[in-house]
PDB file of N, CA and C in Angstrom:
ATOM      1  N   MET A   1      12.598  18.652 -12.198  1.00  0.00           N
ATOM      2  CA  MET A   1      11.199  17.903 -11.608  1.00  0.00           C
ATOM      3  C   MET A   1      10.067  18.875 -11.684  1.00  0.00           C
ATOM      4  N   ALA A   2       9.127  18.447 -12.026  1.00  0.00           N
ATOM      5  CA  ALA A   2       7.712  19.379 -12.233  1.00  0.00           C
ATOM      6  C   ALA A   2       7.229  19.537 -11.010  1.00  0.00           C
ATOM      7  N   LEU A   3       6.965  20.628 -10.688  1.00  0.00           N
ATOM      8  CA  LEU A   3       6.676  20.991  -8.993  1.00  0.00           C
ATOM      9  C   LEU A   3       4.681  20.334  -9.153  1.00  0.00           C
ATOM     10  N   ASN A   4       4.364  20.098 -10.385  1.00  0.00           N
ATOM     11  CA  ASN A   4       3.090  19.728 -10.492  1.00  0.00           C
ATOM     12  C   ASN A   4       3.044  17.885 -10.753  1.00  0.00           C
ATOM     13  N   THR A   5       3.837  17.213 -10.641  1.00  0.00           N
ATOM     14  CA  THR A   5       3.749  15.765 -10.560  1.00  0.00           C
ATOM     15  C   THR A   5       4.171  14.955  -9.627  1.00  0.00           C
ATOM     16  N   VAL A   6       3.606  13.656  -9.039  1.00  0.00           N
ATOM     17  CA  VAL A   6       4.005  13.239  -8.350  1.00  0.00           C
ATOM     18  C   VAL A   6       4.521  11.861  -8.771  1.00  0.00           C
ATOM     19  N   THR A   7       5.774  11.504  -8.260  1.00  0.00           N
ATOM     20  CA  THR A   7       6.708  11.120  -8.780  1.00  0.00           C
ATOM     21  C   THR A   7       6.784   9.440  -8.193  1.00  0.00           C
ATOM     22  N   GLN A   8       7.352   8.399  -9.377  1.00  0.00           N
ATOM     23  CA  GLN A   8       7.664   7.427  -8.671  1.00  0.00           C
ATOM     24  C   GLN A   8       8.264   7.512  -7.500  1.00  0.00           C
ATOM     25  N   GLU A   9       9.832   7.736  -7.465  1.00  0.00           N
ATOM     26  CA  GLU A   9      10.469   7.920  -6.740  1.00  0.00           C
ATOM     27  C   GLU A   9      10.030   8.632  -5.186  1.00  0.00           C
ATOM     28  N   GLN A  10       9.194   9.517  -5.255  1.00  0.00           N
ATOM     29  CA  GLN A  10       7.911  10.035  -3.956  1.00  0.00           C
ATOM     30  C   GLN A  10       7.375   8.913  -3.222  1.00  0.00           C
ATOM     31  N   VAL A  11       7.031   8.206  -4.356  1.00  0.00           N
ATOM     32  CA  VAL A  11       5.718   6.839  -3.937  1.00  0.00           C
ATOM     33  C   VAL A  11       6.671   5.892  -3.137  1.00  0.00           C
ATOM     34  N   VAL A  12       8.234   5.307  -3.738  1.00  0.00           N
ATOM     35  CA  VAL A  12       9.154   4.416  -3.544  1.00  0.00           C
ATOM     36  C   VAL A  12       9.669   4.849  -2.189  1.00  0.00           C
ATOM     37  N   ALA A  13      10.223   6.174  -1.622  1.00  0.00           N
ATOM     38  CA  ALA A  13      10.543   7.032  -0.766  1.00  0.00           C
ATOM     39  C   ALA A  13       9.706   6.511   0.305  1.00  0.00           C
ATOM     40  N   ILE A  14       8.313   6.485   0.505  1.00  0.00           N
ATOM     41  CA  ILE A  14       7.214   6.474   1.354  1.00  0.00           C
ATOM     42  C   ILE A  14       7.175   5.007   1.732  1.00  0.00           C
ATOM     43  N   MET A  15       7.126   4.144   0.602  1.00  0.00           N
ATOM     44  CA  MET A  15       6.952   2.539   0.956  1.00  0.00           C
ATOM     45  C   MET A  15       8.363   2.424   1.473  1.00  0.00           C
ATOM     46  N   ASN A  16       9.506   2.732   1.083  1.00  0.00           N
ATOM     47  CA  ASN A  16      10.778   2.363   1.785  1.00  0.00           C
ATOM     48  C   ASN A  16      11.053   2.783   3.421  1.00  0.00           C
ATOM     49  N   ASN A  17      10.229   3.793   3.624  1.00  0.00           N
ATOM     50  CA  ASN A  17      10.363   4.443   5.008  1.00  0.00           C
ATOM     51  C   ASN A  17       9.017   4.072   5.829  1.00  0.00           C
ATOM     52  N   SER A  18       8.311   3.179   5.628  1.00  0.00           N
ATOM     53  CA  SER A  18       6.702   2.800   5.988  1.00  0.00           C
ATOM     54  C   SER A  18       6.956   1.374   7.033  1.00  0.00           C
ATOM     55  N   GLU A  19       6.592   1.513   8.077  1.00  0.00           N
ATOM     56  CA  GLU A  19       6.557  -0.183   9.244  1.00  0.00           C
ATOM     57  C   GLU A  19       5.376  -0.455   8.476  1.00  0.00           C
ATOM     58  N   TYR A  20       5.397  -1.825   8.711  1.00  0.00           N
ATOM     59  CA  TYR A  20       4.622  -2.996   8.073  1.00  0.00           C
ATOM     60  C   TYR A  20       4.328  -3.918   9.152  1.00  0.00           C
ATOM     61  N   GLU A  21       2.394  -4.130   9.379  1.00  0.00           N
ATOM     62  CA  GLU A  21       2.240  -5.270  10.022  1.00  0.00           C
ATOM     63  C   GLU A  21       1.501  -5.979   9.055  1.00  0.00           C
ATOM     64  N   VAL A  22       1.554  -7.390   8.429  1.00  0.00           N
ATOM     65  CA  VAL A  22       1.186  -8.220   8.022  1.00  0.00           C
ATOM     66  C   VAL A  22       0.464  -9.430   8.821  1.00  0.00           C
ATOM     67  N   ILE A  23      -0.409  -9.705   8.484  1.00  0.00           N
ATOM     68  CA  ILE A  23      -1.892 -10.729   9.091  1.00  0.00           C
ATOM     69  C   ILE A  23      -2.438 -11.384   7.776  1.00  0.00           C
ATOM     70  N   HIS A  24      -1.562 -12.539   7.911  1.00  0.00           N
ATOM     71  CA  HIS A  24      -1.600 -13.901   6.806  1.00  0.00           C
ATOM     72  C   HIS A  24      -3.238 -14.468   7.218  1.00  0.00           C
ATOM     73  N   LYS A  25      -3.147 -15.534   6.621  1.00  0.00           N
ATOM     74  CA  LYS A  25      -4.342 -16.428   6.526  1.00  0.00           C
ATOM     75  C   LYS A  25      -5.758 -16.377   7.604  1.00  0.00           C
ATOM     76  N   ILE A  26      -6.100 -14.934   7.357  1.00  0.00           N
ATOM     77  CA  ILE A  26      -7.263 -14.331   7.684  1.00  0.00           C
ATOM     78  C   ILE A  26      -8.775 -15.860   7.012  1.00  0.00           C
ATOM     79  N   PHE A  27      -8.912 -16.669   7.633  1.00  0.00           N
ATOM     80  CA  PHE A  27     -10.307 -17.280   7.184  1.00  0.00           C
ATOM     81  C   PHE A  27      -9.609 -18.432   6.271  1.00  0.00           C
ATOM     82  N   GLY A  28      -8.267 -18.613   6.389  1.00  0.00           N
ATOM     83  CA  GLY A  28      -7.216 -19.150   5.395  1.00  0.00           C
ATOM     84  C   GLY A  28      -6.976 -18.914   3.950  1.00  0.00           C
ATOM     85  N   LYS A  29      -7.390 -17.810   3.691  1.00  0.00           N
ATOM     86  CA  LYS A  29      -7.553 -17.151   2.257  1.00  0.00           C
ATOM     87  C   LYS A  29      -7.419 -15.879   2.209  1.00  0.00           C
ATOM     88  N   GLN A  30      -6.950 -14.600   3.381  1.00  0.00           N
ATOM     89  CA  GLN A  30      -6.996 -13.567   3.026  1.00  0.00           C
ATOM     90  C   GLN A  30      -5.674 -13.081   3.688  1.00  0.00           C
ATOM     91  N   CYS A  31      -4.929 -12.252   3.477  1.00  0.00           N
ATOM     92  CA  CYS A  31      -3.889 -11.312   3.726  1.00  0.00           C
ATOM     93  C   CYS A  31      -4.310  -9.961   4.163  1.00  0.00           C
ATOM     94  N   ILE A  32      -4.183  -9.372   5.042  1.00  0.00           N
ATOM     95  CA  ILE A  32      -4.049  -8.026   5.303  1.00  0.00           C
ATOM     96  C   ILE A  32      -2.696  -7.463   5.681  1.00  0.00           C
ATOM     97  N   VAL A  33      -2.423  -6.097   4.899  1.00  0.00           N
ATOM     98  CA  VAL A  33      -1.146  -5.101   5.225  1.00  0.00           C
ATOM     99  C   VAL A  33      -1.626  -4.090   5.747  1.00  0.00           C
ATOM    100  N   VAL A  34      -1.025  -3.636   7.115  1.00  0.00           N
ATOM    101  CA  VAL A  34      -1.049  -2.462   7.243  1.00  0.00           C
ATOM    102  C   VAL A  34       0.278  -1.598   7.056  1.00  0.00           C
ATOM    103  N   ALA A  35      -0.001  -0.406   6.353  1.00  0.00           N
ATOM    104  CA  ALA A  35       1.488   0.298   6.318  1.00  0.00           C
ATOM    105  C   ALA A  35       1.147   1.381   7.418  1.00  0.00           C
ATOM    106  N   LYS A  36       2.207   1.924   7.926  1.00  0.00           N
ATOM    107  CA  LYS A  36       2.075   3.031   8.597  1.00  0.00           C
ATOM    108  C   LYS A  36       3.344   3.996   8.499  1.00  0.00           C
ATOM    109  N   LEU A  37       2.663   5.327   7.552  1.00  0.00           N
ATOM    110  CA  LEU A  37       3.596   5.877   6.705  1.00  0.00           C
ATOM    111  C   LEU A  37       4.677   6.706   7.614  1.00  0.00           C
ATOM    112  N   PRO A  38       5.589   7.484   7.196  1.00  0.00           N
ATOM    113  CA  PRO A  38       6.703   8.384   7.703  1.00  0.00           C
ATOM    114  C   PRO A  38       5.797   9.314   8.776  1.00  0.00           C
ATOM    115  N   SER A  39       4.568   9.972   8.093  1.00  0.00           N
ATOM    116  CA  SER A  39       3.681  10.895   8.980  1.00  0.00           C
ATOM    117  C   SER A  39       2.864   9.997   9.997  1.00  0.00           C
ATOM    118  N   GLY A  40       2.831   8.918  10.118  1.00  0.00           N
ATOM    119  CA  GLY A  40       2.212   8.263  11.054  1.00  0.00           C
ATOM    120  C   GLY A  40       0.764   7.863  10.571  1.00  0.00           C
ATOM    121  N   PHE A  41       0.522   8.316   9.592  1.00  0.00           N
ATOM    122  CA  PHE A  41      -0.936   7.817   9.018  1.00  0.00           C
ATOM    123  C   PHE A  41      -0.803   5.625   8.282  1.00  0.00           C
ATOM    124  N   THR A  42      -1.799   5.968   8.549  1.00  0.00           N
ATOM    125  CA  THR A  42      -1.808   4.035   8.498  1.00  0.00           C
ATOM    126  C   THR A  42      -2.710   4.099   6.749  1.00  0.00           C
ATOM    127  N   VAL A  43      -2.177   3.260   6.107  1.00  0.00           N
ATOM    128  CA  VAL A  43      -3.090   3.008   5.036  1.00  0.00           C
ATOM    129  C   VAL A  43      -3.341   1.344   5.299  1.00  0.00           C
ATOM    130  N   VAL A  44      -4.430   0.503   4.592  1.00  0.00           N
ATOM    131  CA  VAL A  44      -4.846  -0.551   4.630  1.00  0.00           C
ATOM    132  C   VAL A  44      -4.703  -1.133   3.331  1.00  0.00           C
ATOM    133  N   GLY A  45      -3.840  -2.731   3.061  1.00  0.00           N
ATOM    134  CA  GLY A  45      -4.265  -3.230   1.964  1.00  0.00           C
ATOM    135  C   GLY A  45      -4.595  -4.512   1.909  1.00  0.00           C
ATOM    136  N   GLU A  46      -5.301  -5.533   1.123  1.00  0.00           N
ATOM    137  CA  GLU A  46      -5.545  -6.515   1.173  1.00  0.00           C
ATOM    138  C   GLU A  46      -5.825  -7.740   0.063  1.00  0.00           C
ATOM    139  N   SER A  47      -5.720  -8.770   0.141  1.00  0.00           N
ATOM    140  CA  SER A  47      -5.804  -9.478  -0.817  1.00  0.00           C
ATOM    141  C   SER A  47      -6.299 -10.855  -0.586  1.00  0.00           C
ATOM    142  N   ALA A  48      -7.056 -11.263  -1.468  1.00  0.00           N
ATOM    143  CA  ALA A  48      -7.884 -13.050  -0.579  1.00  0.00           C
ATOM    144  C   ALA A  48      -7.848 -13.521  -2.018  1.00  0.00           C
ATOM    145  N   CYS A  49      -7.952 -15.170  -1.772  1.00  0.00           N
ATOM    146  CA  CYS A  49      -8.142 -16.082  -3.109  1.00  0.00           C
ATOM    147  C   CYS A  49      -9.553 -16.738  -2.982  1.00  0.00           C
ATOM    148  N   VAL A  50      -9.760 -17.636  -3.587  1.00  0.00           N
ATOM    149  CA  VAL A  50     -11.410 -17.909  -3.869  1.00  0.00           C
ATOM    150  C   VAL A  50     -10.898 -19.187  -2.636  1.00  0.00           C
ATOM    151  N   ASP A  51     -10.206 -19.896  -3.140  1.00  0.00           N
ATOM    152  CA  ASP A  51     -10.011 -21.684  -2.632  1.00  0.00           C
ATOM    153  C   ASP A  51      -8.671 -21.025  -1.576  1.00  0.00           C
ATOM    154  N   PRO A  52      -8.843 -21.524   0.059  1.00  0.00           N
ATOM    155  CA  PRO A  52      -7.865 -21.673   0.661  1.00  0.00           C
ATOM    156  C   PRO A  52      -7.128 -22.711   0.107  1.00  0.00           C
ATOM    157  N   ALA A  53      -6.700 -23.398  -0.443  1.00  0.00           N
ATOM    158  CA  ALA A  53      -5.562 -24.285  -0.920  1.00  0.00           C
ATOM    159  C   ALA A  53      -4.786 -23.810  -1.819  1.00  0.00           C
ATOM    160  N   ASN A  54      -5.231 -22.638  -2.541  1.00  0.00           N
ATOM    161  CA  ASN A  54      -4.440 -21.760  -3.583  1.00  0.00           C
ATOM    162  C   ASN A  54      -3.581 -20.701  -2.722  1.00  0.00           C
ATOM    163  N   TYR A  55      -4.040 -20.261  -1.434  1.00  0.00           N
ATOM    164  CA  TYR A  55      -3.225 -19.135  -1.095  1.00  0.00           C
ATOM    165  C   TYR A  55      -1.920 -19.753  -0.582  1.00  0.00           C
ATOM    166  N   VAL A  56      -1.121 -18.828  -1.319  1.00  0.00           N
ATOM    167  CA  VAL A  56       0.477 -18.392  -0.984  1.00  0.00           C
ATOM    168  C   VAL A  56       0.597 -16.976  -0.398  1.00  0.00           C
ATOM    169  N   GLU A  57       1.287 -17.221   0.887  1.00  0.00           N
ATOM    170  CA  GLU A  57       1.231 -15.987   2.078  1.00  0.00           C
ATOM    171  C   GLU A  57       2.483 -14.890   0.719  1.00  0.00           C
ATOM    172  N   SER A  58       3.258 -15.210  -0.166  1.00  0.00           N
ATOM    173  CA  SER A  58       4.067 -14.243  -0.601  1.00  0.00           C
ATOM    174  C   SER A  58       3.260 -13.571  -1.956  1.00  0.00           C
ATOM    175  N   ILE A  59       2.612 -14.214  -2.240  1.00  0.00           N
ATOM    176  CA  ILE A  59       1.630 -13.507  -3.417  1.00  0.00           C
ATOM    177  C   ILE A  59       0.915 -12.478  -2.780  1.00  0.00           C
ATOM    178  N   GLY A  60      -0.162 -13.187  -1.568  1.00  0.00           N
ATOM    179  CA  GLY A  60      -0.791 -12.190  -0.964  1.00  0.00           C
ATOM    180  C   GLY A  60      -0.325 -10.939  -0.562  1.00  0.00           C
ATOM    181  N   GLU A  61       0.971 -10.761   0.101  1.00  0.00           N
ATOM    182  CA  GLU A  61       1.447  -9.916   0.797  1.00  0.00           C
ATOM    183  C   GLU A  61       1.697  -8.996  -0.670  1.00  0.00           C
ATOM    184  N   GLU A  62       2.423  -9.087  -1.374  1.00  0.00           N
ATOM    185  CA  GLU A  62       2.817  -8.629  -2.920  1.00  0.00           C
ATOM    186  C   GLU A  62       1.896  -7.802  -3.379  1.00  0.00           C
ATOM    187  N   ILE A  63       0.560  -8.690  -3.236  1.00  0.00           N
ATOM    188  CA  ILE A  63      -0.570  -7.822  -4.096  1.00  0.00           C
ATOM    189  C   ILE A  63      -1.445  -6.845  -2.863  1.00  0.00           C
ATOM    190  N   ALA A  64      -1.542  -7.127  -1.552  1.00  0.00           N
ATOM    191  CA  ALA A  64      -1.728  -6.548  -0.749  1.00  0.00           C
ATOM    192  C   ALA A  64      -0.839  -4.943  -0.659  1.00  0.00           C
ATOM    193  N   LYS A  65       0.649  -5.250  -0.814  1.00  0.00           N
ATOM    194  CA  LYS A  65       1.513  -3.977  -0.601  1.00  0.00           C
ATOM    195  C   LYS A  65       1.434  -3.174  -1.717  1.00  0.00           C
ATOM    196  N   LYS A  66       1.062  -3.773  -2.834  1.00  0.00           N
ATOM    197  CA  LYS A  66       1.004  -3.409  -4.264  1.00  0.00           C
ATOM    198  C   LYS A  66      -0.522  -2.274  -4.238  1.00  0.00           C
ATOM    199  N   ARG A  67      -1.345  -2.591  -3.999  1.00  0.00           N
ATOM    200  CA  ARG A  67      -2.832  -2.231  -3.357  1.00  0.00           C
ATOM    201  C   ARG A  67      -2.517  -0.718  -2.199  1.00  0.00           C
ATOM    202  N   ILE A  68      -1.230  -0.735  -1.377  1.00  0.00           N
ATOM    203  CA  ILE A  68      -1.114   0.199  -0.737  1.00  0.00           C
ATOM    204  C   ILE A  68      -0.321   1.223  -1.590  1.00  0.00           C
ATOM    205  N   GLU A  69       0.436   0.629  -2.259  1.00  0.00           N
ATOM    206  CA  GLU A  69       1.321   1.565  -3.169  1.00  0.00           C
ATOM    207  C   GLU A  69       0.475   2.625  -4.472  1.00  0.00           C
ATOM    208  N   ASN A  70      -0.836   1.894  -4.375  1.00  0.00           N
ATOM    209  CA  ASN A  70      -1.678   2.542  -5.343  1.00  0.00           C
ATOM    210  C   ASN A  70      -2.429   3.335  -4.645  1.00  0.00           C
ATOM    211  N   LYS A  71      -2.493   3.424  -3.526  1.00  0.00           N
ATOM    212  CA  LYS A  71      -3.465   4.082  -2.823  1.00  0.00           C
ATOM    213  C   LYS A  71      -2.411   5.713  -2.527  1.00  0.00           C
ATOM    214  N   LEU A  72      -1.293   4.987  -2.289  1.00  0.00           N
ATOM    215  CA  LEU A  72      -0.120   6.224  -2.139  1.00  0.00           C
ATOM    216  C   LEU A  72      -0.542   7.085  -3.049  1.00  0.00           C
ATOM    217  N   TRP A  73      -0.334   6.605  -4.432  1.00  0.00           N
ATOM    218  CA  TRP A  73      -0.464   7.273  -5.726  1.00  0.00           C
ATOM    219  C   TRP A  73      -1.610   8.616  -5.318  1.00  0.00           C
ATOM    220  N   GLU A  74      -2.863   7.820  -4.943  1.00  0.00           N
ATOM    221  CA  GLU A  74      -4.004   8.685  -4.850  1.00  0.00           C
ATOM    222  C   GLU A  74      -3.523   9.485  -3.910  1.00  0.00           C
ATOM    223  N   LEU A  75      -3.345   9.620  -2.412  1.00  0.00           N
ATOM    224  CA  LEU A  75      -3.292  10.346  -1.525  1.00  0.00           C
ATOM    225  C   LEU A  75      -2.027  11.299  -1.914  1.00  0.00           C
ATOM    226  N   GLU A  76      -0.772  10.826  -2.414  1.00  0.00           N
ATOM    227  CA  GLU A  76       0.276  12.003  -2.913  1.00  0.00           C
ATOM    228  C   GLU A  76      -0.233  13.274  -4.059  1.00  0.00           C
ATOM    229  N   GLY A  77      -1.450  12.707  -4.782  1.00  0.00           N
ATOM    230  CA  GLY A  77      -2.144  13.050  -5.762  1.00  0.00           C
ATOM    231  C   GLY A  77      -2.969  14.240  -5.030  1.00  0.00           C
ATOM    232  N   TYR A  78      -3.823  13.703  -4.398  1.00  0.00           N
ATOM    233  CA  TYR A  78      -4.422  14.487  -3.430  1.00  0.00           C
ATOM    234  C   TYR A  78      -3.840  15.840  -2.924  1.00  0.00           C
ATOM    235  N   LYS A  79      -3.094  15.464  -2.379  1.00  0.00           N
ATOM    236  CA  LYS A  79      -2.129  16.305  -1.444  1.00  0.00           C
ATOM    237  C   LYS A  79      -1.199  17.374  -2.481  1.00  0.00           C
ATOM    238  N   LEU A  80      -1.252  16.913  -3.296  1.00  0.00           N
ATOM    239  CA  LEU A  80      -0.348  17.842  -4.165  1.00  0.00           C
ATOM    240  C   LEU A  80      -1.232  18.964  -5.140  1.00  0.00           C
ATOM    241  N   GLN A  81      -2.345  18.247  -5.042  1.00  0.00           N
ATOM    242  CA  GLN A  81      -3.495  19.117  -5.646  1.00  0.00           C
ATOM    243  C   GLN A  81      -3.947  19.828  -4.791  1.00  0.00           C
ATOM    244  N   ASN A  82      -4.188  19.897  -3.526  1.00  0.00           N
ATOM    245  CA  ASN A  82      -4.278  20.869  -2.521  1.00  0.00           C
ATOM    246  C   ASN A  82      -3.447  22.134  -2.565  1.00  0.00           C
ATOM    247  N   SER A  83      -2.133  21.436  -2.680  1.00  0.00           N
ATOM    248  CA  SER A  83      -0.919  22.495  -2.279  1.00  0.00           C
ATOM    249  C   SER A  83      -1.225  23.581  -3.484  1.00  0.00           C
ATOM    250  N   LEU A  84      -1.507  23.211  -5.073  1.00  0.00           N
ATOM    251  CA  LEU A  84      -1.587  24.122  -6.088  1.00  0.00           C
ATOM    252  C   LEU A  84      -2.604  24.848  -6.201  1.00  0.00           C
ATOM    253  N   SER A  85      -3.849  24.685  -5.589  1.00  0.00           N
ATOM    254  CA  SER A  85      -5.241  25.085  -5.382  1.00  0.00           C
ATOM    255  C   SER A  85      -5.178  26.442  -4.272  1.00  0.00           C
TER     256      SER A  85
END
């Protein structure tokens, strides 16, 4: 494994070892997910739809968690860049 690369395995391991709080149906159409990472740091992901009639909890949660995953890529990249500089 390259020492200058963030891997999918790293990000998945962090996601799998995190605790989650999920809040559904804020104003009838929004989901907020807070992930407490293994380090204790928290990251927030959110999703929303235009019409509350279209809100599906499983989809909202999936999108919010995907946004957390995307933030982890950035955070892990930042951490790696700092360690290399």
